[in-house]
């Protein structure tokens, strides 16, 4: 049975010669969705954003002042993005 929520942490490494790990995390998010996950939460600590992916072409970026609600994947899961980086 596939997980309902996958959380991925994308480090903000953008040094020459190093693959952009955020784009790598987005690719893994799509793999998880295609495997049956309801939602994938990708955290970008460099930009302090949380991206919720729910399907191909269905990614929504949320800033620190936003509150995200993933209660359809994890009952009662609602959190302010800023709290994810404290």
Protein backbone atom coordinates (compact mmCIF):
# COMPACT_ATOMS: atom_id res chain seq x y z
CA UNK A 1 0.00 0.00 0.00
CA UNK A 2 1.41 3.38 -1.00
CA UNK A 3 1.90 6.07 1.61
CA UNK A 4 -0.64 8.85 1.65
CA UNK A 5 1.90 11.62 2.26
CA UNK A 6 5.56 11.82 1.44
CA UNK A 7 7.68 14.65 2.81
CA UNK A 8 10.85 15.55 0.98
CA UNK A 9 13.46 18.02 2.14
CA UNK A 10 15.18 19.86 -0.69
CA UNK A 11 18.41 21.47 0.37
CA UNK A 12 19.20 24.73 -1.29
CA UNK A 13 22.63 23.80 -2.68
CA UNK A 14 23.32 25.73 -5.85
CA UNK A 15 27.07 25.38 -6.17
CA UNK A 16 28.78 24.94 -9.52
CA UNK A 17 29.00 21.29 -10.54
CA UNK A 18 26.35 20.11 -8.05
CA UNK A 19 22.97 18.99 -9.35
CA UNK A 20 20.15 21.18 -8.17
CA UNK A 21 18.69 19.12 -5.33
CA UNK A 22 15.37 20.99 -5.35
CA UNK A 23 14.65 19.84 -8.90
CA UNK A 24 15.73 16.35 -7.88
CA UNK A 25 13.23 16.45 -5.00
CA UNK A 26 10.50 17.58 -7.39
CA UNK A 27 11.26 14.56 -9.60
CA UNK A 28 11.01 12.25 -6.59
CA UNK A 29 7.73 13.92 -5.65
CA UNK A 30 6.29 13.08 -9.05
CA UNK A 31 7.48 9.47 -8.68
CA UNK A 32 5.68 9.25 -5.33
CA UNK A 33 2.46 10.67 -6.79
CA UNK A 34 2.62 8.22 -9.68
CA UNK A 35 3.10 5.41 -7.11
CA UNK A 36 -0.17 6.30 -5.41
CA UNK A 37 0.57 8.99 -2.82
CA UNK A 38 -2.22 11.51 -2.32
CA UNK A 39 0.19 14.37 -1.68
CA UNK A 40 3.88 15.15 -1.42
CA UNK A 41 5.24 17.99 0.66
CA UNK A 42 8.55 19.42 -0.59
CA UNK A 43 10.31 21.81 1.78
CA UNK A 44 12.82 24.32 0.46
CA UNK A 45 14.69 25.77 3.45
CA UNK A 46 16.68 28.17 1.26
CA UNK A 47 13.52 29.96 0.16
CA UNK A 48 11.52 28.92 3.24
CA UNK A 49 8.69 27.60 1.10
CA UNK A 50 6.59 24.45 1.12
CA UNK A 51 5.38 23.01 -2.17
CA UNK A 52 2.42 20.64 -2.15
CA UNK A 53 2.33 18.29 -5.11
CA UNK A 54 -0.87 16.37 -5.80
CA UNK A 55 -0.36 15.24 -9.38
CA UNK A 56 1.34 16.08 -12.63
CA UNK A 57 1.06 19.83 -13.05
CA UNK A 58 -0.61 20.27 -9.66
CA UNK A 59 2.09 21.84 -7.52
CA UNK A 60 1.33 24.82 -5.29
CA UNK A 61 4.07 26.83 -3.56
CA UNK A 62 3.28 28.27 -0.14
CA UNK A 63 5.24 30.96 1.69
CA UNK A 64 6.04 31.34 5.38
CA UNK A 65 2.84 33.23 6.16
CA UNK A 66 0.63 30.55 4.57
CA UNK A 67 -1.07 27.71 6.39
CA UNK A 68 -1.14 24.38 4.59
CA UNK A 69 -3.83 21.78 5.10
CA UNK A 70 -3.10 18.17 4.20
CA UNK A 71 -5.89 16.64 6.25
CA UNK A 72 -7.04 14.63 3.24
CA UNK A 73 -3.74 12.72 3.43
CA UNK A 74 -3.04 12.91 7.18
CA UNK A 75 -6.05 13.52 9.44
CA UNK A 76 -5.96 16.94 11.15
CA UNK A 77 -2.64 17.91 9.52
CA UNK A 78 -2.62 21.67 9.22
CA UNK A 79 0.43 23.82 9.90
CA UNK A 80 1.77 27.28 9.21
CA UNK A 81 4.73 27.00 6.81
CA UNK A 82 6.97 29.10 9.08
CA UNK A 83 6.60 26.45 11.81
CA UNK A 84 8.16 23.84 9.51
CA UNK A 85 11.45 25.76 9.58
CA UNK A 86 11.77 26.38 13.33
